[in-house]
Amino acid sequence: MNVFLWILQILLALVLLAAGGGKLAKPYERTAESMPWARRFSAGQVKTIAALEVIAGLGLVLPAATGVAVVLTPLAAVGTALIMVGAVVTHVQGKEWSQIGPGAVLLVIAVVIAWGRFGPYAW
């Protein structure tokens, strides 16, 4: 199970780093063109969401990999779950039905990681 959790952590971290990094690297206008939900938020809010995604992605792997402050790994998973709840709610409010599934899947993965790392498979 530990290996399975590591795989989930790395995969989720890669998704978060790619998503957050992409939003941070592009100007707000380009992000809003490709992601309709972003139009309902200010540029600062979108950049904050992106920064939180990057921080969560790093937090899912680095503390556990280095052995320093390993409690940050399950906390990053909880933070990711909260971000994904916000994503699902935002997509429901915007009637962006095709976008709900990916957010829901990432939410479930984050919850599994948090459960495993806070619970029976903690460091």
PDB file of N, CA and C in Angstrom:
ATOM      1  N   MET A   1       0.823  -1.205   0.000  1.00  0.00           N
ATOM      2  CA  MET A   1       0.000   0.000   0.000  1.00  0.00           C
ATOM      3  C   MET A   1       0.860   1.259   0.000  1.00  0.00           C
ATOM      4  N   ASN A   2       2.015   1.186   0.661  1.00  0.00           N
ATOM      5  CA  ASN A   2       2.906   2.328   0.695  1.00  0.00           C
ATOM      6  C   ASN A   2       3.345   2.713  -0.720  1.00  0.00           C
ATOM      7  N   VAL A   3       3.674   1.710  -1.541  1.00  0.00           N
ATOM      8  CA  VAL A   3       4.086   1.979  -2.926  1.00  0.00           C
ATOM      9  C   VAL A   3       2.919   2.590  -3.705  1.00  0.00           C
ATOM     10  N   PHE A   4       1.724   2.071  -3.498  1.00  0.00           N
ATOM     11  CA  PHE A   4       0.535   2.605  -4.164  1.00  0.00           C
ATOM     12  C   PHE A   4       0.326   4.070  -3.797  1.00  0.00           C
ATOM     13  N   LEU A   5       0.477   4.414  -2.522  1.00  0.00           N
ATOM     14  CA  LEU A   5       0.324   5.805  -2.087  1.00  0.00           C
ATOM     15  C   LEU A   5       1.404   6.690  -2.700  1.00  0.00           C
ATOM     16  N   TRP A   6       2.623   6.183  -2.788  1.00  0.00           N
ATOM     17  CA  TRP A   6       3.688   6.950  -3.431  1.00  0.00           C
ATOM     18  C   TRP A   6       3.353   7.231  -4.888  1.00  0.00           C
ATOM     19  N   ILE A   7       2.835   6.228  -5.582  1.00  0.00           N
ATOM     20  CA  ILE A   7       2.457   6.416  -6.986  1.00  0.00           C
ATOM     21  C   ILE A   7       1.378   7.485  -7.095  1.00  0.00           C
ATOM     22  N   LEU A   8       0.357   7.405  -6.228  1.00  0.00           N
ATOM     23  CA  LEU A   8      -0.703   8.413  -6.236  1.00  0.00           C
ATOM     24  C   LEU A   8      -0.145   9.798  -5.934  1.00  0.00           C
ATOM     25  N   GLN A   9       0.735   9.884  -4.948  1.00  0.00           N
ATOM     26  CA  GLN A   9       1.323  11.174  -4.579  1.00  0.00           C
ATOM     27  C   GLN A   9       2.084  11.778  -5.754  1.00  0.00           C
ATOM     28  N   ILE A  10       2.890  10.971  -6.428  1.00  0.00           N
ATOM     29  CA  ILE A  10       3.692  11.483  -7.538  1.00  0.00           C
ATOM     30  C   ILE A  10       2.800  11.892  -8.703  1.00  0.00           C
ATOM     31  N   LEU A  11       1.816  11.063  -9.036  1.00  0.00           N
ATOM     32  CA  LEU A  11       0.916  11.399 -10.139  1.00  0.00           C
ATOM     33  C   LEU A  11       0.127  12.674  -9.846  1.00  0.00           C
ATOM     34  N   LEU A  12      -0.425  12.764  -8.642  1.00  0.00           N
ATOM     35  CA  LEU A  12      -1.191  13.953  -8.281  1.00  0.00           C
ATOM     36  C   LEU A  12      -0.292  15.180  -8.257  1.00  0.00           C
ATOM     37  N   ALA A  13       0.923  15.026  -7.754  1.00  0.00           N
ATOM     38  CA  ALA A  13       1.861  16.149  -7.733  1.00  0.00           C
ATOM     39  C   ALA A  13       2.168  16.620  -9.151  1.00  0.00           C
ATOM     40  N   LEU A  14       2.370  15.700 -10.078  1.00  0.00           N
ATOM     41  CA  LEU A  14       2.653  16.081 -11.465  1.00  0.00           C
ATOM     42  C   LEU A  14       1.484  16.838 -12.084  1.00  0.00           C
ATOM     43  N   VAL A  15       0.270  16.365 -11.814  1.00  0.00           N
ATOM     44  CA  VAL A  15      -0.922  17.053 -12.339  1.00  0.00           C
ATOM     45  C   VAL A  15      -1.010  18.463 -11.765  1.00  0.00           C
ATOM     46  N   LEU A  16      -0.814  18.588 -10.467  1.00  0.00           N
ATOM     47  CA  LEU A  16      -0.909  19.905  -9.827  1.00  0.00           C
ATOM     48  C   LEU A  16       0.190  20.848 -10.293  1.00  0.00           C
ATOM     49  N   LEU A  17       1.399  20.335 -10.436  1.00  0.00           N
ATOM     50  CA  LEU A  17       2.499  21.182 -10.903  1.00  0.00           C
ATOM     51  C   LEU A  17       2.266  21.640 -12.336  1.00  0.00           C
ATOM     52  N   ALA A  18       1.758  20.749 -13.172  1.00  0.00           N
ATOM     53  CA  ALA A  18       1.483  21.127 -14.562  1.00  0.00           C
ATOM     54  C   ALA A  18       0.336  22.142 -14.635  1.00  0.00           C
ATOM     55  N   ALA A  19      -0.736  21.871 -13.910  1.00  0.00           N
ATOM     56  CA  ALA A  19      -1.899  22.766 -13.954  1.00  0.00           C
ATOM     57  C   ALA A  19      -1.572  24.127 -13.347  1.00  0.00           C
ATOM     58  N   GLY A  20      -1.005  24.111 -12.160  1.00  0.00           N
ATOM     59  CA  GLY A  20      -0.667  25.368 -11.500  1.00  0.00           C
ATOM     60  C   GLY A  20       0.434  26.114 -12.216  1.00  0.00           C
ATOM     61  N   GLY A  21       1.462  25.395 -12.649  1.00  0.00           N
ATOM     62  CA  GLY A  21       2.559  26.034 -13.357  1.00  0.00           C
ATOM     63  C   GLY A  21       2.111  26.661 -14.663  1.00  0.00           C
ATOM     64  N   GLY A  22       1.211  25.971 -15.361  1.00  0.00           N
ATOM     65  CA  GLY A  22       0.692  26.521 -16.612  1.00  0.00           C
ATOM     66  C   GLY A  22      -0.082  27.808 -16.394  1.00  0.00           C
ATOM     67  N   LYS A  23      -0.890  27.833 -15.344  1.00  0.00           N
ATOM     68  CA  LYS A  23      -1.663  29.046 -15.046  1.00  0.00           C
ATOM     69  C   LYS A  23      -0.752  30.180 -14.575  1.00  0.00           C
ATOM     70  N   LEU A  24       0.319  29.841 -13.873  1.00  0.00           N
ATOM     71  CA  LEU A  24       1.253  30.877 -13.419  1.00  0.00           C
ATOM     72  C   LEU A  24       2.075  31.430 -14.580  1.00  0.00           C
ATOM     73  N   ALA A  25       2.423  30.577 -15.526  1.00  0.00           N
ATOM     74  CA  ALA A  25       3.292  30.992 -16.626  1.00  0.00           C
ATOM     75  C   ALA A  25       2.557  31.825 -17.674  1.00  0.00           C
ATOM     76  N   LYS A  26       1.260  31.576 -17.847  1.00  0.00           N
ATOM     77  CA  LYS A  26       0.498  32.292 -18.876  1.00  0.00           C
ATOM     78  C   LYS A  26      -0.124  33.557 -18.300  1.00  0.00           C
ATOM     79  N   PRO A  27      -0.249  34.578 -19.132  1.00  0.00           N
ATOM     80  CA  PRO A  27      -0.994  35.762 -18.684  1.00  0.00           C
ATOM     81  C   PRO A  27      -2.458  35.385 -18.429  1.00  0.00           C
ATOM     82  N   TYR A  28      -3.084  36.128 -17.554  1.00  0.00           N
ATOM     83  CA  TYR A  28      -4.483  35.862 -17.187  1.00  0.00           C
ATOM     84  C   TYR A  28      -5.376  35.766 -18.419  1.00  0.00           C
ATOM     85  N   GLU A  29      -5.190  36.643 -19.365  1.00  0.00           N
ATOM     86  CA  GLU A  29      -6.059  36.666 -20.546  1.00  0.00           C
ATOM     87  C   GLU A  29      -5.994  35.344 -21.310  1.00  0.00           C
ATOM     88  N   ARG A  30      -4.811  34.781 -21.458  1.00  0.00           N
ATOM     89  CA  ARG A  30      -4.678  33.497 -22.154  1.00  0.00           C
ATOM     90  C   ARG A  30      -5.278  32.366 -21.342  1.00  0.00           C
ATOM     91  N   THR A  31      -5.126  32.431 -20.031  1.00  0.00           N
ATOM     92  CA  THR A  31      -5.746  31.410 -19.176  1.00  0.00           C
ATOM     93  C   THR A  31      -7.257  31.480 -19.303  1.00  0.00           C
ATOM     94  N   ALA A  32      -7.811  32.680 -19.279  1.00  0.00           N
ATOM     95  CA  ALA A  32      -9.270  32.851 -19.382  1.00  0.00           C
ATOM     96  C   ALA A  32      -9.796  32.390 -20.738  1.00  0.00           C
ATOM     97  N   GLU A  33      -8.999  32.512 -21.789  1.00  0.00           N
ATOM     98  CA  GLU A  33      -9.419  32.028 -23.107  1.00  0.00           C
ATOM     99  C   GLU A  33      -9.551  30.511 -23.133  1.00  0.00           C
ATOM    100  N   SER A  34      -8.595  29.831 -22.513  1.00  0.00           N
ATOM    101  CA  SER A  34      -8.584  28.370 -22.567  1.00  0.00           C
ATOM    102  C   SER A  34      -9.367  27.718 -21.432  1.00  0.00           C
ATOM    103  N   MET A  35      -9.639  28.470 -20.373  1.00  0.00           N
ATOM    104  CA  MET A  35     -10.358  27.937 -19.217  1.00  0.00           C
ATOM    105  C   MET A  35     -11.491  28.896 -18.863  1.00  0.00           C
ATOM    106  N   PRO A  36     -12.689  28.627 -19.372  1.00  0.00           N
ATOM    107  CA  PRO A  36     -13.808  29.563 -19.171  1.00  0.00           C
ATOM    108  C   PRO A  36     -14.108  29.894 -17.705  1.00  0.00           C
ATOM    109  N   TRP A  37     -13.868  28.968 -16.804  1.00  0.00           N
ATOM    110  CA  TRP A  37     -14.144  29.237 -15.390  1.00  0.00           C
ATOM    111  C   TRP A  37     -13.330  30.418 -14.878  1.00  0.00           C
ATOM    112  N   ALA A  38     -12.152  30.649 -15.457  1.00  0.00           N
ATOM    113  CA  ALA A  38     -11.261  31.705 -14.966  1.00  0.00           C
ATOM    114  C   ALA A  38     -11.855  33.092 -15.157  1.00  0.00           C
ATOM    115  N   ARG A  39     -12.787  33.232 -16.092  1.00  0.00           N
ATOM    116  CA  ARG A  39     -13.408  34.547 -16.330  1.00  0.00           C
ATOM    117  C   ARG A  39     -14.244  35.004 -15.134  1.00  0.00           C
ATOM    118  N   ARG A  40     -14.648  34.068 -14.305  1.00  0.00           N
ATOM    119  CA  ARG A  40     -15.460  34.419 -13.141  1.00  0.00           C
ATOM    120  C   ARG A  40     -14.600  34.820 -11.930  1.00  0.00           C
ATOM    121  N   PHE A  41     -13.295  34.831 -12.119  1.00  0.00           N
ATOM    122  CA  PHE A  41     -12.357  35.187 -11.051  1.00  0.00           C
ATOM    123  C   PHE A  41     -11.425  36.284 -11.551  1.00  0.00           C
ATOM    124  N   SER A  42     -10.879  37.042 -10.618  1.00  0.00           N
ATOM    125  CA  SER A  42      -9.905  38.073 -10.992  1.00  0.00           C
ATOM    126  C   SER A  42      -8.564  37.413 -11.329  1.00  0.00           C
ATOM    127  N   ALA A  43      -7.697  38.181 -11.951  1.00  0.00           N
ATOM    128  CA  ALA A  43      -6.369  37.666 -12.290  1.00  0.00           C
ATOM    129  C   ALA A  43      -5.622  37.237 -11.023  1.00  0.00           C
ATOM    130  N   GLY A  44      -5.744  38.016  -9.976  1.00  0.00           N
ATOM    131  CA  GLY A  44      -5.080  37.677  -8.722  1.00  0.00           C
ATOM    132  C   GLY A  44      -5.602  36.394  -8.104  1.00  0.00           C
ATOM    133  N   GLN A  45      -6.912  36.196  -8.195  1.00  0.00           N
ATOM    134  CA  GLN A  45      -7.486  34.968  -7.649  1.00  0.00           C
ATOM    135  C   GLN A  45      -7.015  33.743  -8.435  1.00  0.00           C
ATOM    136  N   VAL A  46      -6.961  33.860  -9.749  1.00  0.00           N
ATOM    137  CA  VAL A  46      -6.507  32.735 -10.574  1.00  0.00           C
ATOM    138  C   VAL A  46      -5.042  32.428 -10.278  1.00  0.00           C
ATOM    139  N   LYS A  47      -4.220  33.460 -10.141  1.00  0.00           N
ATOM    140  CA  LYS A  47      -2.803  33.248  -9.819  1.00  0.00           C
ATOM    141  C   LYS A  47      -2.637  32.643  -8.418  1.00  0.00           C
ATOM    142  N   THR A  48      -3.498  33.019  -7.488  1.00  0.00           N
ATOM    143  CA  THR A  48      -3.448  32.435  -6.143  1.00  0.00           C
ATOM    144  C   THR A  48      -3.806  30.963  -6.187  1.00  0.00           C
ATOM    145  N   ILE A  49      -4.851  30.623  -6.918  1.00  0.00           N
ATOM    146  CA  ILE A  49      -5.230  29.209  -7.080  1.00  0.00           C
ATOM    147  C   ILE A  49      -4.065  28.436  -7.680  1.00  0.00           C
ATOM    148  N   ALA A  50      -3.440  29.011  -8.710  1.00  0.00           N
ATOM    149  CA  ALA A  50      -2.312  28.349  -9.369  1.00  0.00           C
ATOM    150  C   ALA A  50      -1.146  28.151  -8.396  1.00  0.00           C
ATOM    151  N   ALA A  51      -0.845  29.160  -7.603  1.00  0.00           N
ATOM    152  CA  ALA A  51       0.253  29.050  -6.641  1.00  0.00           C
ATOM    153  C   ALA A  51      -0.054  27.981  -5.593  1.00  0.00           C
ATOM    154  N   LEU A  52      -1.298  27.916  -5.144  1.00  0.00           N
ATOM    155  CA  LEU A  52      -1.689  26.887  -4.181  1.00  0.00           C
ATOM    156  C   LEU A  52      -1.558  25.493  -4.780  1.00  0.00           C
ATOM    157  N   GLU A  53      -1.890  25.357  -6.060  1.00  0.00           N
ATOM    158  CA  GLU A  53      -1.729  24.065  -6.723  1.00  0.00           C
ATOM    159  C   GLU A  53      -0.257  23.658  -6.770  1.00  0.00           C
ATOM    160  N   VAL A  54       0.610  24.589  -7.097  1.00  0.00           N
ATOM    161  CA  VAL A  54       2.044  24.288  -7.148  1.00  0.00           C
ATOM    162  C   VAL A  54       2.566  23.921  -5.764  1.00  0.00           C
ATOM    163  N   ILE A  55       2.186  24.693  -4.753  1.00  0.00           N
ATOM    164  CA  ILE A  55       2.628  24.409  -3.382  1.00  0.00           C
ATOM    165  C   ILE A  55       2.128  23.036  -2.932  1.00  0.00           C
ATOM    166  N   ALA A  56       0.865  22.721  -3.241  1.00  0.00           N
ATOM    167  CA  ALA A  56       0.325  21.415  -2.872  1.00  0.00           C
ATOM    168  C   ALA A  56       1.072  20.298  -3.590  1.00  0.00           C
ATOM    169  N   GLY A  57       1.369  20.508  -4.876  1.00  0.00           N
ATOM    170  CA  GLY A  57       2.114  19.501  -5.632  1.00  0.00           C
ATOM    171  C   GLY A  57       3.481  19.229  -5.018  1.00  0.00           C
ATOM    172  N   LEU A  58       4.170  20.283  -4.640  1.00  0.00           N
ATOM    173  CA  LEU A  58       5.469  20.112  -3.985  1.00  0.00           C
ATOM    174  C   LEU A  58       5.313  19.445  -2.620  1.00  0.00           C
ATOM    175  N   GLY A  59       4.273  19.830  -1.899  1.00  0.00           N
ATOM    176  CA  GLY A  59       4.047  19.279  -0.560  1.00  0.00           C
ATOM    177  C   GLY A  59       3.676  17.808  -0.549  1.00  0.00           C
ATOM    178  N   LEU A  60       3.137  17.327  -1.645  1.00  0.00           N
ATOM    179  CA  LEU A  60       2.778  15.910  -1.723  1.00  0.00           C
ATOM    180  C   LEU A  60       4.003  15.002  -1.806  1.00  0.00           C
ATOM    181  N   VAL A  61       5.125  15.543  -2.271  1.00  0.00           N
ATOM    182  CA  VAL A  61       6.298  14.692  -2.507  1.00  0.00           C
ATOM    183  C   VAL A  61       7.515  15.082  -1.671  1.00  0.00           C
ATOM    184  N   LEU A  62       7.853  16.372  -1.657  1.00  0.00           N
ATOM    185  CA  LEU A  62       9.128  16.780  -1.053  1.00  0.00           C
ATOM    186  C   LEU A  62       9.286  16.427   0.429  1.00  0.00           C
ATOM    187  N   PRO A  63       8.306  16.703   1.295  1.00  0.00           N
ATOM    188  CA  PRO A  63       8.522  16.362   2.705  1.00  0.00           C
ATOM    189  C   PRO A  63       8.756  14.868   2.920  1.00  0.00           C
ATOM    190  N   ALA A  64       7.978  14.051   2.239  1.00  0.00           N
ATOM    191  CA  ALA A  64       8.127  12.600   2.400  1.00  0.00           C
ATOM    192  C   ALA A  64       9.451  12.121   1.807  1.00  0.00           C
ATOM    193  N   ALA A  65       9.833  12.687   0.672  1.00  0.00           N
ATOM    194  CA  ALA A  65      11.066  12.258   0.013  1.00  0.00           C
ATOM    195  C   ALA A  65      12.304  12.655   0.803  1.00  0.00           C
ATOM    196  N   THR A  66      12.244  13.803   1.478  1.00  0.00           N
ATOM    197  CA  THR A  66      13.406  14.277   2.236  1.00  0.00           C
ATOM    198  C   THR A  66      13.386  13.825   3.690  1.00  0.00           C
ATOM    199  N   GLY A  67      12.211  13.413   4.176  1.00  0.00           N
ATOM    200  CA  GLY A  67      12.100  13.027   5.580  1.00  0.00           C
ATOM    201  C   GLY A  67      12.020  14.209   6.522  1.00  0.00           C
ATOM    202  N   VAL A  68      11.829  15.398   5.973  1.00  0.00           N
ATOM    203  CA  VAL A  68      11.748  16.617   6.774  1.00  0.00           C
ATOM    204  C   VAL A  68      10.287  17.064   6.844  1.00  0.00           C
ATOM    205  N   ALA A  69       9.762  17.199   8.047  1.00  0.00           N
ATOM    206  CA  ALA A  69       8.384  17.661   8.261  1.00  0.00           C
ATOM    207  C   ALA A  69       7.393  16.833   7.448  1.00  0.00           C
ATOM    208  N   VAL A  70       7.455  15.511   7.607  1.00  0.00           N
ATOM    209  CA  VAL A  70       6.634  14.603   6.795  1.00  0.00           C
ATOM    210  C   VAL A  70       5.131  14.790   7.009  1.00  0.00           C
ATOM    211  N   VAL A  71       4.724  15.425   8.091  1.00  0.00           N
ATOM    212  CA  VAL A  71       3.300  15.687   8.304  1.00  0.00           C
ATOM    213  C   VAL A  71       2.748  16.631   7.236  1.00  0.00           C
ATOM    214  N   LEU A  72       3.622  17.338   6.545  1.00  0.00           N
ATOM    215  CA  LEU A  72       3.166  18.239   5.489  1.00  0.00           C
ATOM    216  C   LEU A  72       2.601  17.486   4.285  1.00  0.00           C
ATOM    217  N   THR A  73       2.998  16.226   4.099  1.00  0.00           N
ATOM    218  CA  THR A  73       2.486  15.459   2.959  1.00  0.00           C
ATOM    219  C   THR A  73       0.983  15.210   3.080  1.00  0.00           C
ATOM    220  N   PRO A  74       0.490  14.651   4.190  1.00  0.00           N
ATOM    221  CA  PRO A  74      -0.960  14.495   4.270  1.00  0.00           C
ATOM    222  C   PRO A  74      -1.691  15.837   4.359  1.00  0.00           C
ATOM    223  N   LEU A  75      -1.053  16.846   4.925  1.00  0.00           N
ATOM    224  CA  LEU A  75      -1.680  18.173   4.948  1.00  0.00           C
ATOM    225  C   LEU A  75      -1.806  18.734   3.529  1.00  0.00           C
ATOM    226  N   ALA A  76      -0.813  18.476   2.695  1.00  0.00           N
ATOM    227  CA  ALA A  76      -0.893  18.891   1.291  1.00  0.00           C
ATOM    228  C   ALA A  76      -2.023  18.149   0.585  1.00  0.00           C
ATOM    229  N   ALA A  77      -2.229  16.890   0.954  1.00  0.00           N
ATOM    230  CA  ALA A  77      -3.340  16.127   0.366  1.00  0.00           C
ATOM    231  C   ALA A  77      -4.682  16.713   0.792  1.00  0.00           C
ATOM    232  N   VAL A  78      -4.803  17.122   2.042  1.00  0.00           N
ATOM    233  CA  VAL A  78      -6.034  17.766   2.513  1.00  0.00           C
ATOM    234  C   VAL A  78      -6.240  19.090   1.780  1.00  0.00           C
ATOM    235  N   GLY A  79      -5.174  19.868   1.641  1.00  0.00           N
ATOM    236  CA  GLY A  79      -5.268  21.123   0.906  1.00  0.00           C
ATOM    237  C   GLY A  79      -5.687  20.902  -0.542  1.00  0.00           C
ATOM    238  N   THR A  80      -5.139  19.860  -1.163  1.00  0.00           N
ATOM    239  CA  THR A  80      -5.522  19.522  -2.534  1.00  0.00           C
ATOM    240  C   THR A  80      -6.996  19.155  -2.601  1.00  0.00           C
ATOM    241  N   ALA A  81      -7.457  18.381  -1.626  1.00  0.00           N
ATOM    242  CA  ALA A  81      -8.878  18.007  -1.593  1.00  0.00           C
ATOM    243  C   ALA A  81      -9.755  19.257  -1.510  1.00  0.00           C
ATOM    244  N   LEU A  82      -9.352  20.216  -0.701  1.00  0.00           N
ATOM    245  CA  LEU A  82     -10.124  21.461  -0.588  1.00  0.00           C
ATOM    246  C   LEU A  82     -10.120  22.242  -1.901  1.00  0.00           C
ATOM    247  N   ILE A  83      -8.962  22.290  -2.558  1.00  0.00           N
ATOM    248  CA  ILE A  83      -8.893  22.948  -3.866  1.00  0.00           C
ATOM    249  C   ILE A  83      -9.831  22.261  -4.850  1.00  0.00           C
ATOM    250  N   MET A  84      -9.854  20.935  -4.827  1.00  0.00           N
ATOM    251  CA  MET A  84     -10.690  20.187  -5.770  1.00  0.00           C
ATOM    252  C   MET A  84     -12.180  20.330  -5.444  1.00  0.00           C
ATOM    253  N   VAL A  85     -12.529  20.454  -4.178  1.00  0.00           N
ATOM    254  CA  VAL A  85     -13.924  20.744  -3.830  1.00  0.00           C
ATOM    255  C   VAL A  85     -14.312  22.079  -4.445  1.00  0.00           C
ATOM    256  N   GLY A  86     -13.433  23.060  -4.308  1.00  0.00           N
ATOM    257  CA  GLY A  86     -13.689  24.361  -4.925  1.00  0.00           C
ATOM    258  C   GLY A  86     -13.803  24.271  -6.432  1.00  0.00           C
ATOM    259  N   ALA A  87     -12.967  23.447  -7.048  1.00  0.00           N
ATOM    260  CA  ALA A  87     -13.019  23.281  -8.500  1.00  0.00           C
ATOM    261  C   ALA A  87     -14.339  22.655  -8.939  1.00  0.00           C
ATOM    262  N   VAL A  88     -14.758  21.612  -8.233  1.00  0.00           N
ATOM    263  CA  VAL A  88     -16.016  20.945  -8.582  1.00  0.00           C
ATOM    264  C   VAL A  88     -17.188  21.910  -8.417  1.00  0.00           C
ATOM    265  N   VAL A  89     -17.224  22.630  -7.317  1.00  0.00           N
ATOM    266  CA  VAL A  89     -18.309  23.591  -7.080  1.00  0.00           C
ATOM    267  C   VAL A  89     -18.311  24.672  -8.169  1.00  0.00           C
ATOM    268  N   THR A  90     -17.129  25.177  -8.520  1.00  0.00           N
ATOM    269  CA  THR A  90     -17.028  26.205  -9.563  1.00  0.00           C
ATOM    270  C   THR A  90     -17.557  25.679 -10.897  1.00  0.00           C
ATOM    271  N   HIS A  91     -17.196  24.455 -11.249  1.00  0.00           N
ATOM    272  CA  HIS A  91     -17.662  23.887 -12.516  1.00  0.00           C
ATOM    273  C   HIS A  91     -19.163  23.600 -12.487  1.00  0.00           C
ATOM    274  N   VAL A  92     -19.695  23.190 -11.350  1.00  0.00           N
ATOM    275  CA  VAL A  92     -21.145  22.982 -11.244  1.00  0.00           C
ATOM    276  C   VAL A  92     -21.868  24.313 -11.404  1.00  0.00           C
ATOM    277  N   GLN A  93     -21.390  25.344 -10.719  1.00  0.00           N
ATOM    278  CA  GLN A  93     -22.024  26.658 -10.823  1.00  0.00           C
ATOM    279  C   GLN A  93     -21.985  27.201 -12.249  1.00  0.00           C
ATOM    280  N   GLY A  94     -20.904  26.902 -12.967  1.00  0.00           N
ATOM    281  CA  GLY A  94     -20.771  27.371 -14.339  1.00  0.00           C
ATOM    282  C   GLY A  94     -21.386  26.428 -15.358  1.00  0.00           C
ATOM    283  N   LYS A  95     -22.018  25.356 -14.866  1.00  0.00           N
ATOM    284  CA  LYS A  95     -22.622  24.339 -15.741  1.00  0.00           C
ATOM    285  C   LYS A  95     -21.605  23.776 -16.738  1.00  0.00           C
ATOM    286  N   GLU A  96     -20.376  23.624 -16.289  1.00  0.00           N
ATOM    287  CA  GLU A  96     -19.306  23.046 -17.094  1.00  0.00           C
ATOM    288  C   GLU A  96     -19.213  21.560 -16.762  1.00  0.00           C
ATOM    289  N   TRP A  97     -20.213  20.823 -17.200  1.00  0.00           N
ATOM    290  CA  TRP A  97     -20.392  19.427 -16.783  1.00  0.00           C
ATOM    291  C   TRP A  97     -19.212  18.546 -17.148  1.00  0.00           C
ATOM    292  N   SER A  98     -18.583  18.789 -18.266  1.00  0.00           N
ATOM    293  CA  SER A  98     -17.472  17.930 -18.686  1.00  0.00           C
ATOM    294  C   SER A  98     -16.229  18.122 -17.811  1.00  0.00           C
ATOM    295  N   GLN A  99     -16.178  19.196 -17.063  1.00  0.00           N
ATOM    296  CA  GLN A  99     -15.021  19.481 -16.225  1.00  0.00           C
ATOM    297  C   GLN A  99     -15.161  18.969 -14.793  1.00  0.00           C
ATOM    298  N   ILE A 100     -16.323  18.479 -14.445  1.00  0.00           N
ATOM    299  CA  ILE A 100     -16.551  18.019 -13.072  1.00  0.00           C
ATOM    300  C   ILE A 100     -15.814  16.722 -12.795  1.00  0.00           C
ATOM    301  N   GLY A 101     -15.814  15.819 -13.755  1.00  0.00           N
ATOM    302  CA  GLY A 101     -15.187  14.503 -13.578  1.00  0.00           C
ATOM    303  C   GLY A 101     -13.727  14.552 -13.186  1.00  0.00           C
ATOM    304  N   PRO A 102     -12.892  15.282 -13.937  1.00  0.00           N
ATOM    305  CA  PRO A 102     -11.476  15.329 -13.558  1.00  0.00           C
ATOM    306  C   PRO A 102     -11.249  15.875 -12.145  1.00  0.00           C
ATOM    307  N   GLY A 103     -11.973  16.922 -11.794  1.00  0.00           N
ATOM    308  CA  GLY A 103     -11.837  17.469 -10.438  1.00  0.00           C
ATOM    309  C   GLY A 103     -12.273  16.476  -9.376  1.00  0.00           C
ATOM    310  N   ALA A 104     -13.348  15.744  -9.655  1.00  0.00           N
ATOM    311  CA  ALA A 104     -13.840  14.751  -8.699  1.00  0.00           C
ATOM    312  C   ALA A 104     -12.842  13.607  -8.531  1.00  0.00           C
ATOM    313  N   VAL A 105     -12.230  13.178  -9.630  1.00  0.00           N
ATOM    314  CA  VAL A 105     -11.230  12.102  -9.554  1.00  0.00           C
ATOM    315  C   VAL A 105     -10.024  12.563  -8.735  1.00  0.00           C
ATOM    316  N   LEU A 106      -9.557  13.781  -8.993  1.00  0.00           N
ATOM    317  CA  LEU A 106      -8.424  14.304  -8.226  1.00  0.00           C
ATOM    318  C   LEU A 106      -8.786  14.468  -6.747  1.00  0.00           C
ATOM    319  N   LEU A 107     -10.029  14.828  -6.473  1.00  0.00           N
ATOM    320  CA  LEU A 107     -10.504  14.919  -5.092  1.00  0.00           C
ATOM    321  C   LEU A 107     -10.420  13.568  -4.400  1.00  0.00           C
ATOM    322  N   VAL A 108     -10.887  12.526  -5.053  1.00  0.00           N
ATOM    323  CA  VAL A 108     -10.848  11.176  -4.469  1.00  0.00           C
ATOM    324  C   VAL A 108      -9.402  10.743  -4.227  1.00  0.00           C
ATOM    325  N   ILE A 109      -8.524  11.000  -5.185  1.00  0.00           N
ATOM    326  CA  ILE A 109      -7.113  10.630  -5.023  1.00  0.00           C
ATOM    327  C   ILE A 109      -6.509  11.358  -3.822  1.00  0.00           C
ATOM    328  N   ALA A 110      -6.799  12.636  -3.690  1.00  0.00           N
ATOM    329  CA  ALA A 110      -6.273  13.409  -2.560  1.00  0.00           C
ATOM    330  C   ALA A 110      -6.791  12.876  -1.227  1.00  0.00           C
ATOM    331  N   VAL A 111      -8.055  12.496  -1.184  1.00  0.00           N
ATOM    332  CA  VAL A 111      -8.631  11.947   0.049  1.00  0.00           C
ATOM    333  C   VAL A 111      -7.978  10.618   0.394  1.00  0.00           C
ATOM    334  N   VAL A 112      -7.730   9.778  -0.592  1.00  0.00           N
ATOM    335  CA  VAL A 112      -7.072   8.497  -0.347  1.00  0.00           C
ATOM    336  C   VAL A 112      -5.671   8.719   0.212  1.00  0.00           C
ATOM    337  N   ILE A 113      -4.943   9.662  -0.363  1.00  0.00           N
ATOM    338  CA  ILE A 113      -3.593   9.963   0.141  1.00  0.00           C
ATOM    339  C   ILE A 113      -3.660  10.475   1.574  1.00  0.00           C
ATOM    340  N   ALA A 114      -4.563  11.410   1.843  1.00  0.00           N
ATOM    341  CA  ALA A 114      -4.690  11.948   3.204  1.00  0.00           C
ATOM    342  C   ALA A 114      -5.046  10.846   4.185  1.00  0.00           C
ATOM    343  N   TRP A 115      -5.998   9.996   3.825  1.00  0.00           N
ATOM    344  CA  TRP A 115      -6.391   8.881   4.701  1.00  0.00           C
ATOM    345  C   TRP A 115      -5.202   7.970   4.973  1.00  0.00           C
ATOM    346  N   GLY A 116      -4.483   7.603   3.922  1.00  0.00           N
ATOM    347  CA  GLY A 116      -3.373   6.684   4.080  1.00  0.00           C
ATOM    348  C   GLY A 116      -2.224   7.269   4.875  1.00  0.00           C
ATOM    349  N   ARG A 117      -1.899   8.507   4.607  1.00  0.00           N
ATOM    350  CA  ARG A 117      -0.733   9.105   5.266  1.00  0.00           C
ATOM    351  C   ARG A 117      -1.027   9.634   6.675  1.00  0.00           C
ATOM    352  N   PHE A 118      -2.273   9.950   6.963  1.00  0.00           N
ATOM    353  CA  PHE A 118      -2.633  10.288   8.346  1.00  0.00           C
ATOM    354  C   PHE A 118      -2.930   9.031   9.138  1.00  0.00           C
ATOM    355  N   GLY A 119      -3.337   7.975   8.454  1.00  0.00           N
ATOM    356  CA  GLY A 119      -3.798   6.767   9.104  1.00  0.00           C
ATOM    357  C   GLY A 119      -2.801   5.631   9.119  1.00  0.00           C
ATOM    358  N   PRO A 120      -3.198   4.502   8.541  1.00  0.00           N
ATOM    359  CA  PRO A 120      -2.420   3.274   8.699  1.00  0.00           C
ATOM    360  C   PRO A 120      -1.069   3.268   7.988  1.00  0.00           C
ATOM    361  N   TYR A 121      -0.845   4.170   7.068  1.00  0.00           N
ATOM    362  CA  TYR A 121       0.414   4.161   6.316  1.00  0.00           C
ATOM    363  C   TYR A 121       1.188   5.455   6.517  1.00  0.00           C
ATOM    364  N   ALA A 122       1.070   6.000   7.716  1.00  0.00           N
ATOM    365  CA  ALA A 122       1.800   7.222   8.067  1.00  0.00           C
ATOM    366  C   ALA A 122       3.288   6.914   8.144  1.00  0.00           C
ATOM    367  N   TRP A 123       4.062   7.949   8.115  1.00  0.00           N
ATOM    368  CA  TRP A 123       5.524   7.778   8.136  1.00  0.00           C
ATOM    369  C   TRP A 123       5.902   7.389   9.521  1.00  0.00           C
TER     370      TRP A 123
END
